[in-house]
Protein backbone atom coordinates (compact mmCIF):
# COMPACT_ATOMS: atom_id res chain seq x y z
CA MET A 1 17.79 -10.03 -19.90
CA ARG A 2 14.14 -11.10 -20.03
CA ALA A 3 13.55 -14.50 -21.60
CA ARG A 4 11.35 -13.85 -24.65
CA ARG A 5 9.60 -17.20 -24.45
CA PHE A 6 8.11 -16.10 -21.13
CA LEU A 7 6.98 -12.79 -22.64
CA PRO A 8 4.20 -13.57 -25.13
CA ASN A 9 3.42 -10.99 -27.79
CA LEU A 10 0.96 -8.35 -26.64
CA SER A 11 -1.56 -9.36 -29.32
CA LEU A 12 -1.67 -12.88 -27.85
CA LEU A 13 -2.28 -11.57 -24.34
CA LEU A 14 -4.96 -9.13 -25.52
CA ALA A 15 -6.78 -11.94 -27.31
CA PHE A 16 -6.59 -14.13 -24.19
CA ASP A 17 -7.73 -11.25 -21.97
CA ALA A 18 -10.68 -10.47 -24.26
CA VAL A 19 -11.87 -14.08 -24.40
CA MET A 20 -11.69 -14.37 -20.61
CA ARG A 21 -13.48 -11.06 -20.08
CA THR A 22 -16.25 -11.56 -22.64
CA GLY A 23 -16.68 -15.32 -22.32
CA SER A 24 -16.59 -16.14 -26.01
CA VAL A 25 -14.44 -15.91 -29.14
CA THR A 26 -17.24 -14.09 -30.98
CA ALA A 27 -17.52 -11.34 -28.36
CA ALA A 28 -13.73 -11.08 -28.06
CA ALA A 29 -13.40 -10.72 -31.83
CA HIS A 30 -15.96 -7.90 -31.79
CA ASP A 31 -14.17 -6.25 -28.85
CA LEU A 32 -10.80 -6.37 -30.64
CA SER A 33 -12.14 -5.64 -34.16
CA LEU A 34 -10.72 -8.94 -35.40
CA THR A 35 -12.22 -12.02 -37.04
CA GLN A 36 -13.17 -15.04 -34.96
CA SER A 37 -10.62 -17.17 -36.76
CA THR A 38 -7.87 -14.67 -35.95
CA VAL A 39 -8.75 -14.70 -32.24
CA SER A 40 -8.84 -18.52 -32.23
CA ARG A 41 -5.42 -18.64 -33.91
CA LEU A 42 -3.95 -16.18 -31.39
CA ILE A 43 -5.24 -18.31 -28.50
CA GLN A 44 -3.74 -21.46 -30.02
CA THR A 45 -0.40 -19.69 -30.53
CA LEU A 46 -0.38 -18.58 -26.88
CA GLU A 47 -1.11 -22.13 -25.71
CA THR A 48 1.73 -23.44 -27.88
CA GLN A 49 4.19 -20.86 -26.55
CA LEU A 50 3.25 -21.55 -22.94
CA GLY A 51 3.01 -25.29 -23.39
CA GLN A 52 -0.29 -25.24 -21.52
CA GLN A 53 -3.88 -25.87 -22.53
CA LEU A 54 -5.81 -22.77 -21.51
CA PHE A 55 -9.23 -23.69 -22.86
CA LEU A 56 -11.26 -26.85 -23.35
CA ARG A 57 -13.08 -26.97 -26.71
CA GLN A 58 -16.67 -27.99 -26.03
CA ARG A 59 -19.32 -27.69 -28.75
CA LYS A 60 -17.61 -24.71 -30.42
CA ARG A 61 -17.14 -23.06 -27.02
CA LEU A 62 -13.92 -22.28 -25.19
CA VAL A 63 -14.13 -23.24 -21.52
CA PRO A 64 -11.21 -21.85 -19.49
CA THR A 65 -9.13 -24.25 -17.43
CA ASP A 66 -8.14 -23.57 -13.83
CA ALA A 67 -4.69 -22.61 -15.11
CA ALA A 68 -6.28 -20.07 -17.47
CA ARG A 69 -8.22 -18.49 -14.62
CA ARG A 70 -5.07 -18.11 -12.52
CA TYR A 71 -3.13 -16.75 -15.48
CA PHE A 72 -5.92 -14.30 -16.32
CA GLY A 73 -5.84 -12.75 -12.84
CA GLN A 74 -2.14 -11.99 -13.18
CA ILE A 75 -2.20 -10.96 -16.84
CA SER A 76 -5.19 -8.68 -16.33
CA SER A 77 -3.34 -6.83 -13.55
CA ALA A 78 -0.23 -6.53 -15.71
CA LEU A 79 -2.22 -5.12 -18.63
CA ASP A 80 -3.85 -2.61 -16.27
CA ILE A 81 -0.41 -1.43 -15.15
CA VAL A 82 0.76 -1.02 -18.75
CA GLN A 83 -2.41 0.87 -19.62
CA ARG A 84 -2.12 3.20 -16.61
CA ALA A 85 1.55 3.91 -17.39
CA SER A 86 0.73 4.73 -21.02
CA MET A 87 -2.20 6.95 -20.06
CA SER A 88 -0.02 8.82 -17.56
CA LEU A 89 2.74 9.34 -20.10
CA ILE A 90 0.30 10.64 -22.72
CA ALA A 91 -1.50 12.92 -20.27
CA ASN A 92 1.65 14.25 -18.61
CA PRO A 93 4.80 13.61 -20.66
CA ASP A 94 6.93 16.23 -18.91
CA GLY A 95 5.91 15.81 -15.26
CA GLY A 96 5.52 13.19 -12.60
CA THR A 97 2.48 11.07 -11.91
CA LEU A 98 1.09 10.08 -8.53
CA THR A 99 -1.25 7.10 -8.41
CA LEU A 100 -3.06 7.22 -5.09
CA ALA A 101 -5.49 4.85 -3.36
CA VAL A 102 -7.94 6.58 -1.03
CA LEU A 103 -10.85 5.77 1.22
CA PRO A 104 -14.02 6.68 -0.74
CA THR A 105 -15.61 9.26 1.56
CA PHE A 106 -12.27 10.74 2.63
CA GLY A 107 -11.34 11.13 -1.02
CA THR A 108 -14.54 12.88 -2.04
CA ARG A 109 -15.16 14.98 1.07
CA TRP A 110 -11.67 15.90 2.33
CA LEU A 111 -9.07 15.34 -0.38
CA ALA A 112 -10.88 16.29 -3.61
CA PRO A 113 -11.79 19.85 -2.53
CA ARG A 114 -8.12 20.48 -1.64
CA LEU A 115 -6.49 18.83 -4.66
CA PRO A 116 -6.76 21.91 -6.93
CA ASP A 117 -4.41 23.69 -4.51
CA PHE A 118 -1.84 20.87 -4.83
CA LEU A 119 -2.10 20.75 -8.62
CA SER A 120 -1.78 24.54 -8.85
CA ALA A 121 1.38 24.44 -6.73
CA ASN A 122 2.77 21.48 -8.71
CA PRO A 123 1.79 22.04 -12.37
CA GLY A 124 4.04 19.25 -13.64
CA VAL A 125 2.32 16.56 -11.56
CA SER A 126 -0.80 14.60 -12.47
CA VAL A 127 -2.79 12.59 -9.92
CA ASN A 128 -4.68 9.34 -10.50
CA LEU A 129 -7.15 8.29 -7.80
CA ALA A 130 -8.82 4.98 -7.04
CA THR A 131 -10.80 3.86 -4.00
CA ARG A 132 -9.72 1.10 -1.66
CA PHE A 133 -11.18 0.02 1.69
CA ALA A 134 -8.58 -2.45 2.93
CA ARG A 135 -4.86 -3.00 2.95
CA PHE A 136 -3.13 -4.41 -0.10
CA ASN A 137 0.34 -5.40 -1.25
CA PHE A 138 2.07 -2.48 -2.99
CA ASP A 139 4.04 -4.97 -5.06
CA ALA A 140 0.82 -6.36 -6.51
CA GLU A 141 -1.06 -3.07 -7.05
CA PRO A 142 -0.20 -0.07 -9.26
CA PHE A 143 -0.30 2.48 -6.43
CA ASP A 144 2.41 4.82 -5.23
CA ALA A 145 0.69 5.46 -1.87
CA MET A 146 -2.57 5.12 0.01
CA ILE A 147 -4.47 7.35 2.40
CA CYS A 148 -5.89 4.93 4.96
CA PHE A 149 -7.38 4.76 8.43
CA GLY A 150 -5.83 2.79 11.27
CA HIS A 151 -2.33 2.69 12.69
CA ASP A 152 1.27 3.04 11.46
CA ASP A 153 1.80 -0.71 11.15
CA TRP A 154 1.95 -1.46 7.42
CA PRO A 155 4.92 -3.78 6.78
CA ASP A 156 7.86 -2.47 4.73
CA ALA A 157 6.22 0.94 4.38
CA ARG A 158 6.65 4.55 5.44
CA HIS A 159 3.89 6.41 7.28
CA LEU A 160 2.92 10.08 7.50
CA LYS A 161 0.27 10.83 10.08
CA LEU A 162 -2.39 13.21 8.82
CA PHE A 163 -4.64 13.58 11.86
CA ASP A 164 -6.35 11.61 14.60
CA GLU A 165 -9.96 10.74 14.02
CA ARG A 166 -12.45 12.56 16.24
CA MET A 167 -16.04 11.42 16.25
CA THR A 168 -19.25 13.44 16.50
CA ALA A 169 -22.66 11.81 16.92
CA CYS A 170 -25.31 13.41 14.71
CA ALA A 171 -28.96 13.01 13.83
CA ALA A 172 -31.50 14.72 11.60
CA PRO A 173 -33.16 17.81 13.13
CA ASP A 174 -36.66 16.26 12.91
CA TYR A 175 -35.38 13.06 14.53
CA LEU A 176 -34.05 15.01 17.53
CA LYS A 177 -37.16 17.17 17.70
CA ASN A 178 -39.36 14.12 18.06
CA ARG A 179 -36.95 12.16 20.26
CA PRO A 180 -34.77 14.65 22.19
CA ILE A 181 -31.53 13.48 23.77
CA THR A 182 -30.37 14.92 27.08
CA GLY A 183 -27.73 12.35 28.09
CA PRO A 184 -25.77 9.32 26.86
CA THR A 185 -28.23 6.80 28.28
CA ASP A 186 -30.94 8.20 26.00
CA LEU A 187 -29.06 6.55 23.12
CA HIS A 188 -29.35 3.07 24.59
CA ASP A 189 -32.73 2.47 22.96
CA ARG A 190 -31.99 4.33 19.71
CA VAL A 191 -30.77 2.97 16.38
CA LEU A 192 -27.02 3.55 16.31
CA LEU A 193 -25.65 3.50 12.76
CA GLN A 194 -22.33 1.66 12.60
CA LEU A 195 -19.45 1.34 10.14
CA GLU A 196 -17.96 -2.10 9.42
CA THR A 197 -14.39 -0.80 9.76
CA ARG A 198 -15.02 1.03 13.08
CA PRO A 199 -16.20 -1.66 15.53
CA GLY A 200 -14.80 0.31 18.48
CA ALA A 201 -16.16 3.71 17.51
CA TRP A 202 -19.36 3.77 19.56
CA PRO A 203 -17.72 2.41 22.73
CA ALA A 204 -15.03 5.12 22.36
CA TRP A 205 -17.71 7.78 21.92
CA PHE A 206 -19.63 6.65 25.02
CA ALA A 207 -16.37 6.61 26.99
CA GLY A 208 -15.75 10.18 25.83
CA GLN A 209 -19.15 11.10 27.26
CA GLY A 210 -18.21 9.51 30.58
CA ALA A 211 -20.73 6.71 30.13
CA ALA A 212 -20.85 3.02 29.30
CA ALA A 213 -21.94 1.83 25.87
CA PRO A 214 -25.00 -0.43 25.60
CA ALA A 215 -24.07 -4.10 25.72
CA ARG A 216 -25.86 -4.84 22.44
CA PRO A 217 -26.61 -1.61 20.62
CA ASP A 218 -29.53 -1.61 18.21
CA GLY A 219 -28.08 -0.55 14.89
CA MET A 220 -27.60 -0.82 11.16
CA MET A 221 -24.22 -1.77 9.68
CA MET A 222 -22.81 0.30 6.80
CA ASP A 223 -19.65 0.00 4.72
CA GLN A 224 -19.24 3.71 3.86
CA PHE A 225 -19.72 6.98 5.73
CA SER A 226 -21.57 8.46 2.75
CA MET A 227 -24.25 5.79 3.18
CA MET A 228 -24.38 6.43 6.93
CA ILE A 229 -24.84 10.17 6.37
CA GLN A 230 -27.78 9.62 4.05
CA ALA A 231 -29.33 7.11 6.46
CA ALA A 232 -29.11 9.61 9.32
CA ILE A 233 -30.52 12.46 7.19
CA SER A 234 -33.44 10.18 6.32
CA GLY A 235 -34.14 9.66 10.02
CA LEU A 236 -33.10 6.01 10.20
CA GLY A 237 -30.92 6.50 13.26
CA ILE A 238 -27.94 8.27 14.79
CA ALA A 239 -24.71 8.52 12.84
CA LEU A 240 -21.25 8.58 14.38
CA LEU A 241 -19.10 10.55 11.96
CA PRO A 242 -15.51 11.76 11.77
CA ASP A 243 -15.68 15.39 12.83
CA TYR A 244 -14.39 16.67 9.47
CA LEU A 245 -17.47 15.07 7.85
CA ALA A 246 -19.90 15.99 10.62
CA GLN A 247 -19.03 19.69 10.37
CA ILE A 248 -20.05 19.77 6.70
CA GLU A 249 -23.49 18.31 7.40
CA ILE A 250 -23.96 20.43 10.54
CA ALA A 251 -23.10 23.64 8.64
CA GLU A 252 -25.74 22.75 6.05
CA ASN A 253 -28.27 21.98 8.85
CA ARG A 254 -28.81 18.50 7.48
CA LEU A 255 -27.64 17.00 10.76
CA GLN A 256 -27.30 18.27 14.33
CA PRO A 257 -24.59 17.27 16.85
CA ILE A 258 -25.47 15.28 19.94
CA LEU A 259 -23.86 15.93 23.35
CA ARG A 260 -20.06 16.37 23.43
CA PRO A 261 -18.64 16.64 19.86
CA ALA A 262 -15.23 15.67 18.49
CA VAL A 263 -14.60 12.74 20.85
CA PRO A 264 -11.24 11.00 20.19
CA GLY A 265 -11.72 7.90 18.07
CA PRO A 266 -9.81 4.60 17.91
CA GLY A 267 -7.42 5.46 15.06
CA ALA A 268 -5.94 8.04 12.71
CA TYR A 269 -5.59 8.84 9.02
CA TRP A 270 -2.23 8.08 7.42
CA LEU A 271 -0.45 8.47 4.13
CA VAL A 272 1.34 5.15 3.54
CA TRP A 273 3.85 4.36 0.80
CA PRO A 274 6.43 1.64 0.04
CA LYS A 275 10.01 2.40 1.06
CA ALA A 276 11.13 1.87 -2.53
CA LYS A 277 9.20 5.02 -3.55
CA ASP A 278 10.71 7.37 -0.98
CA ASP A 279 12.35 9.44 -3.71
CA LEU A 280 9.48 9.51 -6.21
CA ALA A 281 9.29 13.20 -7.08
CA ALA A 282 5.49 13.43 -7.31
CA LEU A 283 5.10 11.62 -3.98
CA LYS A 284 7.66 13.86 -2.27
CA ALA A 285 5.77 16.92 -3.51
CA PHE A 286 2.47 15.45 -2.27
CA ARG A 287 3.92 14.69 1.17
CA ALA A 288 5.27 18.22 1.48
CA TRP A 289 1.93 19.70 0.42
CA LEU A 290 0.00 17.53 2.90
CA THR A 291 2.32 18.53 5.73
CA ALA A 292 1.94 22.24 4.92
CA THR A 293 -1.84 22.00 4.47
CA LEU A 294 -2.35 20.22 7.79
CA SER A 295 -0.01 22.64 9.59
CA GLU A 296 -1.99 25.62 8.28
CA ALA A 297 -5.25 24.03 9.38
CA GLU A 298 -3.87 23.34 12.86
CA HIS A 299 -2.69 26.92 13.30
CA ALA A 300 -6.00 28.26 11.99
CA SER A 301 -7.91 26.28 14.61
């Protein structure tokens, strides 16, 4: 049994959430289509039920307390989960739902073009996608799984390896025409574009060329491969891209490969999910589809 006194009415929580988000009772009232007096009364009722002062009244303004800020972070996440669950039920009442966190560029360039095949093979399943860069706690986030880069070392989780990362150095055709590269040492005085989450990528690439990396490479730091691709196309430097991304740009003649392509990188792509969701039907279907898709690609190559 859930103790009702610890479960405030949804209207109270929505009023609190709106005041915290908008910063004022007036804006919250407009957001909720209520009167200002109604929103103020709902806030007072919530404070009475919790036995905590959530706002300081200063010159007709509500200033949130530290307790209110902590409470808002948790309540906001809970309301998001309720909203996502309701949206999924409305959109797909008869099938399963898979809520997946993905790396931004992987999601748009590798997963999205293949998702129609999964949805066609699993018509009862709907997929929700959101981008994440770093690890998170599955207990605190509304995700069933994540496609991430790294190693199979998430705690209390299952791992399905998708493929190892292989890196190809690329540059714009005009860049290479004006500054040709004949060997690894030619890169020592070039701008090497780098990704924040791949600090060991360039050293691994140089090792794959049988050469040592420059001690302090001249470069620009990026947080997404999509940004790095555009920087390289614009002639700002040399990009080091996962081969599945490099091949797209090479085929379109926006970039050209440099020296040995597809050098093994320092990690792999994984599907990771909490052990508690092993038997989630939509996730099982997705794992089976990924395994089959990757097997077909391996045999085709």
